[in-house]
Amino acid sequence: MRPDTEREYVEYVSGRLPRLHRLAYILCSDQHQADDIVQATLTSLYVDWKKASAADSIDAYVHRMLVRRYLDEKRRRWSRVLLGNFVPDRAAPAPHAVEERDALVTAMRALPKGQRAVLVLRYFVDLSVEETADALGCSTGNVKSQSSRGLASLRGVLEAGPLRVARGTGRA
């Protein structure tokens, strides 16, 4: 890669790395897997930088790469293997947020992969309907219907679960 092209790549990655990592983490709910997904995506991006930089929207191109990498990882059998008999301890967030976060993570994991990807891109990465459709390579109508179904599923799970009790709107 030529020095000026490499500089463009480095500038792009430097500006987007936190956002890409956040997207990967929200998709997979695992810090280490998110690191792996982002690293693999950026490696592929480096190889295809000329093609990516010529795209109408580099961000949409990269988001599509990242989501596809995540979906590819989920399809592999070894991604379901837990290497060890316990999960390491992690620092807990504020006590009132634990139930809400756990309920949201559980509800997001229960969604089909397509709905989860749409909701993450739309509401956690703040992409528009058009940008989400471009990133996923689908129609805007598909994004809207997946968003609607995903949000309805989340509402149903969260209203019936511990989040409702934690907010004081349900009975103990």
C-alpha atoms as a PDB file:
ATOM      1  CA  MET A   1       0.000   0.000   0.000  1.00  0.00           C
ATOM      2  CA  ARG A   2       1.284   3.455  -0.843  1.00  0.00           C
ATOM      3  CA  PRO A   3       2.140   5.753   2.079  1.00  0.00           C
ATOM      4  CA  ASP A   4      -0.644   8.256   1.336  1.00  0.00           C
ATOM      5  CA  THR A   5      -3.227   5.459   1.016  1.00  0.00           C
ATOM      6  CA  GLU A   6      -1.985   3.847   4.210  1.00  0.00           C
ATOM      7  CA  ARG A   7      -2.262   7.205   5.995  1.00  0.00           C
ATOM      8  CA  GLU A   8      -5.929   7.440   4.887  1.00  0.00           C
ATOM      9  CA  TYR A   9      -6.562   3.948   6.242  1.00  0.00           C
ATOM     10  CA  VAL A  10      -4.887   4.735   9.580  1.00  0.00           C
ATOM     11  CA  GLU A  11      -6.844   7.979   9.931  1.00  0.00           C
ATOM     12  CA  TYR A  12     -10.114   6.233   9.176  1.00  0.00           C
ATOM     13  CA  VAL A  13      -9.459   3.401  11.621  1.00  0.00           C
ATOM     14  CA  SER A  14      -8.218   5.755  14.343  1.00  0.00           C
ATOM     15  CA  GLY A  15     -11.418   7.780  14.123  1.00  0.00           C
ATOM     16  CA  ARG A  16     -13.801   4.812  14.026  1.00  0.00           C
ATOM     17  CA  LEU A  17     -12.168   2.211  16.279  1.00  0.00           C
ATOM     18  CA  PRO A  18     -14.162   2.919  19.474  1.00  0.00           C
ATOM     19  CA  ARG A  19     -17.446   2.900  17.559  1.00  0.00           C
ATOM     20  CA  LEU A  20     -16.573  -0.328  15.735  1.00  0.00           C
ATOM     21  CA  HIS A  21     -15.592  -1.984  18.989  1.00  0.00           C
ATOM     22  CA  ARG A  22     -18.833  -0.873  20.621  1.00  0.00           C
ATOM     23  CA  LEU A  23     -20.833  -2.290  17.712  1.00  0.00           C
ATOM     24  CA  ALA A  24     -19.014  -5.632  17.910  1.00  0.00           C
ATOM     25  CA  TYR A  25     -19.427  -5.821  21.697  1.00  0.00           C
ATOM     26  CA  ILE A  26     -23.139  -5.085  21.556  1.00  0.00           C
ATOM     27  CA  LEU A  27     -23.590  -7.759  18.899  1.00  0.00           C
ATOM     28  CA  CYS A  28     -21.718 -10.534  20.702  1.00  0.00           C
ATOM     29  CA  SER A  29     -21.736  -9.453  24.410  1.00  0.00           C
ATOM     30  CA  ASP A  30     -18.156 -10.631  24.885  1.00  0.00           C
ATOM     31  CA  GLN A  31     -15.144  -8.314  25.149  1.00  0.00           C
ATOM     32  CA  HIS A  32     -12.630 -10.777  23.736  1.00  0.00           C
ATOM     33  CA  GLN A  33     -14.821 -11.920  20.865  1.00  0.00           C
ATOM     34  CA  ALA A  34     -15.538  -8.266  20.042  1.00  0.00           C
ATOM     35  CA  ASP A  35     -11.778  -7.629  19.892  1.00  0.00           C
ATOM     36  CA  ASP A  36     -11.378 -10.583  17.529  1.00  0.00           C
ATOM     37  CA  ILE A  37     -14.233  -9.463  15.284  1.00  0.00           C
ATOM     38  CA  VAL A  38     -12.904  -5.917  15.039  1.00  0.00           C
ATOM     39  CA  GLN A  39      -9.361  -7.127  14.373  1.00  0.00           C
ATOM     40  CA  ALA A  40     -10.492  -9.487  11.613  1.00  0.00           C
ATOM     41  CA  THR A  41     -12.668  -6.767  10.094  1.00  0.00           C
ATOM     42  CA  LEU A  42      -9.844  -4.233  10.093  1.00  0.00           C
ATOM     43  CA  THR A  43      -7.446  -6.758   8.584  1.00  0.00           C
ATOM     44  CA  SER A  44      -9.899  -7.421   5.761  1.00  0.00           C
ATOM     45  CA  LEU A  45     -10.451  -3.686   5.406  1.00  0.00           C
ATOM     46  CA  TYR A  46      -6.715  -3.114   5.042  1.00  0.00           C
ATOM     47  CA  VAL A  47      -6.542  -5.674   2.253  1.00  0.00           C
ATOM     48  CA  ASP A  48      -9.616  -4.193   0.522  1.00  0.00           C
ATOM     49  CA  TRP A  49      -8.962  -0.540   1.360  1.00  0.00           C
ATOM     50  CA  LYS A  50      -8.870   0.608  -2.266  1.00  0.00           C
ATOM     51  CA  LYS A  51     -12.282  -0.934  -2.913  1.00  0.00           C
ATOM     52  CA  ALA A  52     -13.692   0.267   0.425  1.00  0.00           C
ATOM     53  CA  SER A  53     -12.499   3.842  -0.010  1.00  0.00           C
ATOM     54  CA  ALA A  54     -14.208   3.941  -3.427  1.00  0.00           C
ATOM     55  CA  ALA A  55     -17.572   2.931  -1.909  1.00  0.00           C
ATOM     56  CA  ASP A  56     -20.388   5.466  -1.576  1.00  0.00           C
ATOM     57  CA  SER A  57     -20.231   5.138   2.203  1.00  0.00           C
ATOM     58  CA  ILE A  58     -17.097   3.721   3.792  1.00  0.00           C
ATOM     59  CA  ASP A  59     -18.886   3.454   7.140  1.00  0.00           C
ATOM     60  CA  ALA A  60     -21.689   1.341   5.663  1.00  0.00           C
ATOM     61  CA  TYR A  61     -19.105  -0.824   3.890  1.00  0.00           C
ATOM     62  CA  VAL A  62     -17.201  -1.414   7.136  1.00  0.00           C
ATOM     63  CA  HIS A  63     -20.375  -1.996   9.190  1.00  0.00           C
ATOM     64  CA  ARG A  64     -21.443  -4.618   6.666  1.00  0.00           C
ATOM     65  CA  MET A  65     -18.017  -6.279   6.928  1.00  0.00           C
ATOM     66  CA  LEU A  66     -18.210  -6.304  10.722  1.00  0.00           C
ATOM     67  CA  VAL A  67     -21.755  -7.687  10.905  1.00  0.00           C
ATOM     68  CA  ARG A  68     -20.900 -10.381   8.369  1.00  0.00           C
ATOM     69  CA  ARG A  69     -17.796 -11.295  10.360  1.00  0.00           C
ATOM     70  CA  TYR A  70     -19.948 -11.576  13.497  1.00  0.00           C
ATOM     71  CA  LEU A  71     -22.485 -13.774  11.695  1.00  0.00           C
ATOM     72  CA  ASP A  72     -19.684 -15.948  10.282  1.00  0.00           C
ATOM     73  CA  GLU A  73     -18.255 -16.403  13.779  1.00  0.00           C
ATOM     74  CA  LYS A  74     -21.671 -17.438  15.123  1.00  0.00           C
ATOM     75  CA  ARG A  75     -21.957 -20.112  12.429  1.00  0.00           C
ATOM     76  CA  ARG A  76     -18.725 -21.815  13.421  1.00  0.00           C
ATOM     77  CA  ARG A  77     -19.112 -24.693  15.852  1.00  0.00           C
ATOM     78  CA  TRP A  78     -16.094 -23.777  17.962  1.00  0.00           C
ATOM     79  CA  SER A  79     -17.617 -20.397  18.827  1.00  0.00           C
ATOM     80  CA  ARG A  80     -20.060 -22.227  21.110  1.00  0.00           C
ATOM     81  CA  VAL A  81     -17.352 -23.999  23.103  1.00  0.00           C
ATOM     82  CA  LEU A  82     -16.607 -22.628  26.583  1.00  0.00           C
ATOM     83  CA  LEU A  83     -12.945 -23.189  27.386  1.00  0.00           C
ATOM     84  CA  GLY A  84     -13.102 -23.633  31.129  1.00  0.00           C
ATOM     85  CA  ASN A  85     -15.586 -24.533  33.786  1.00  0.00           C
ATOM     86  CA  PHE A  86     -16.239 -21.039  35.134  1.00  0.00           C
ATOM     87  CA  VAL A  87     -16.628 -17.473  33.937  1.00  0.00           C
ATOM     88  CA  PRO A  88     -14.068 -15.036  35.389  1.00  0.00           C
ATOM     89  CA  ASP A  89     -15.275 -12.393  37.822  1.00  0.00           C
ATOM     90  CA  ARG A  90     -15.933  -8.925  36.445  1.00  0.00           C
ATOM     91  CA  ALA A  91     -16.529  -5.632  38.191  1.00  0.00           C
ATOM     92  CA  ALA A  92     -20.237  -5.065  38.614  1.00  0.00           C
ATOM     93  CA  PRO A  93     -21.900  -1.844  37.479  1.00  0.00           C
ATOM     94  CA  ALA A  94     -24.033   0.207  39.835  1.00  0.00           C
ATOM     95  CA  PRO A  95     -26.482  -2.049  41.726  1.00  0.00           C
ATOM     96  CA  HIS A  96     -29.630  -0.568  40.187  1.00  0.00           C
ATOM     97  CA  ALA A  97     -28.290  -1.056  36.656  1.00  0.00           C
ATOM     98  CA  VAL A  98     -27.404  -4.753  37.011  1.00  0.00           C
ATOM     99  CA  GLU A  99     -30.942  -6.042  36.609  1.00  0.00           C
ATOM    100  CA  GLU A 100     -31.662  -3.711  33.708  1.00  0.00           C
ATOM    101  CA  ARG A 101     -28.462  -4.617  31.874  1.00  0.00           C
ATOM    102  CA  ASP A 102     -28.917  -8.346  32.450  1.00  0.00           C
ATOM    103  CA  ALA A 103     -32.513  -8.203  31.270  1.00  0.00           C
ATOM    104  CA  LEU A 104     -31.545  -6.266  28.140  1.00  0.00           C
ATOM    105  CA  VAL A 105     -28.619  -8.584  27.313  1.00  0.00           C
ATOM    106  CA  THR A 106     -30.808 -11.655  27.823  1.00  0.00           C
ATOM    107  CA  ALA A 107     -33.578 -10.194  25.692  1.00  0.00           C
ATOM    108  CA  MET A 108     -31.131  -9.199  22.922  1.00  0.00           C
ATOM    109  CA  ARG A 109     -29.608 -12.701  22.893  1.00  0.00           C
ATOM    110  CA  ALA A 110     -33.080 -14.206  22.449  1.00  0.00           C
ATOM    111  CA  LEU A 111     -33.671 -12.242  19.243  1.00  0.00           C
ATOM    112  CA  PRO A 112     -32.911 -13.750  15.844  1.00  0.00           C
ATOM    113  CA  LYS A 113     -29.522 -12.608  14.492  1.00  0.00           C
ATOM    114  CA  GLY A 114     -31.059 -10.366  11.829  1.00  0.00           C
ATOM    115  CA  GLN A 115     -33.260  -8.482  14.282  1.00  0.00           C
ATOM    116  CA  ARG A 116     -30.380  -8.148  16.726  1.00  0.00           C
ATOM    117  CA  ALA A 117     -28.090  -6.731  14.016  1.00  0.00           C
ATOM    118  CA  VAL A 118     -30.744  -4.223  12.906  1.00  0.00           C
ATOM    119  CA  LEU A 119     -31.467  -3.056  16.469  1.00  0.00           C
ATOM    120  CA  VAL A 120     -27.789  -2.692  17.318  1.00  0.00           C
ATOM    121  CA  LEU A 121     -27.051  -0.672  14.181  1.00  0.00           C
ATOM    122  CA  ARG A 122     -30.169   1.487  14.518  1.00  0.00           C
ATOM    123  CA  TYR A 123     -30.282   2.178  18.248  1.00  0.00           C
ATOM    124  CA  PHE A 124     -26.803   1.558  19.643  1.00  0.00           C
ATOM    125  CA  VAL A 125     -24.717   2.803  16.704  1.00  0.00           C
ATOM    126  CA  ASP A 126     -27.320   5.458  15.735  1.00  0.00           C
ATOM    127  CA  LEU A 127     -27.479   4.670  12.025  1.00  0.00           C
ATOM    128  CA  SER A 128     -30.447   5.798   9.970  1.00  0.00           C
ATOM    129  CA  VAL A 129     -32.771   3.292   8.311  1.00  0.00           C
ATOM    130  CA  GLU A 130     -31.002   3.870   4.990  1.00  0.00           C
ATOM    131  CA  GLU A 131     -27.521   3.506   6.503  1.00  0.00           C
ATOM    132  CA  THR A 132     -28.558   0.313   8.284  1.00  0.00           C
ATOM    133  CA  ALA A 133     -29.999  -1.112   5.065  1.00  0.00           C
ATOM    134  CA  ASP A 134     -26.802  -0.212   3.244  1.00  0.00           C
ATOM    135  CA  ALA A 135     -24.646  -1.761   5.971  1.00  0.00           C
ATOM    136  CA  LEU A 136     -26.632  -5.002   5.955  1.00  0.00           C
ATOM    137  CA  GLY A 137     -27.175  -5.125   2.205  1.00  0.00           C
ATOM    138  CA  CYS A 138     -30.963  -5.242   2.442  1.00  0.00           C
ATOM    139  CA  SER A 139     -33.942  -2.989   1.718  1.00  0.00           C
ATOM    140  CA  THR A 140     -35.138  -0.179   3.961  1.00  0.00           C
ATOM    141  CA  GLY A 141     -38.463  -2.027   4.286  1.00  0.00           C
ATOM    142  CA  ASN A 142     -36.615  -5.034   5.690  1.00  0.00           C
ATOM    143  CA  VAL A 143     -34.853  -2.807   8.220  1.00  0.00           C
ATOM    144  CA  LYS A 144     -38.163  -1.271   9.278  1.00  0.00           C
ATOM    145  CA  SER A 145     -39.926  -4.614   9.672  1.00  0.00           C
ATOM    146  CA  GLN A 146     -36.970  -6.192  11.515  1.00  0.00           C
ATOM    147  CA  SER A 147     -36.833  -3.135  13.816  1.00  0.00           C
ATOM    148  CA  SER A 148     -40.549  -3.317  14.508  1.00  0.00           C
ATOM    149  CA  ARG A 149     -40.504  -7.050  15.243  1.00  0.00           C
ATOM    150  CA  GLY A 150     -37.334  -6.822  17.319  1.00  0.00           C
ATOM    151  CA  LEU A 151     -38.615  -3.923  19.422  1.00  0.00           C
ATOM    152  CA  ALA A 152     -41.949  -5.691  19.977  1.00  0.00           C
ATOM    153  CA  SER A 153     -40.103  -8.809  21.144  1.00  0.00           C
ATOM    154  CA  LEU A 154     -37.873  -6.775  23.455  1.00  0.00           C
ATOM    155  CA  ARG A 155     -40.836  -4.934  24.940  1.00  0.00           C
ATOM    156  CA  GLY A 156     -42.644  -8.190  25.608  1.00  0.00           C
ATOM    157  CA  VAL A 157     -39.663  -9.775  27.323  1.00  0.00           C
ATOM    158  CA  LEU A 158     -38.645  -6.697  29.294  1.00  0.00           C
ATOM    159  CA  GLU A 159     -42.157  -5.831  30.497  1.00  0.00           C
ATOM    160  CA  ALA A 160     -42.693  -9.355  31.789  1.00  0.00           C
ATOM    161  CA  GLY A 161     -39.232  -9.785  33.311  1.00  0.00           C
ATOM    162  CA  PRO A 162     -37.156  -8.466  36.205  1.00  0.00           C
ATOM    163  CA  LEU A 163     -36.821  -5.010  34.659  1.00  0.00           C
ATOM    164  CA  ARG A 164     -40.481  -4.309  35.367  1.00  0.00           C
ATOM    165  CA  VAL A 165     -40.060  -5.270  39.014  1.00  0.00           C
ATOM    166  CA  ALA A 166     -36.802  -3.307  39.286  1.00  0.00           C
ATOM    167  CA  ARG A 167     -38.569  -0.150  38.106  1.00  0.00           C
ATOM    168  CA  GLY A 168     -41.341  -0.619  40.651  1.00  0.00           C
ATOM    169  CA  THR A 169     -44.097  -1.049  38.060  1.00  0.00           C
ATOM    170  CA  GLY A 170     -44.818  -4.677  38.841  1.00  0.00           C
ATOM    171  CA  ARG A 171     -45.592  -6.757  41.857  1.00  0.00           C
ATOM    172  CA  ALA A 172     -42.784  -8.401  43.799  1.00  0.00           C
END
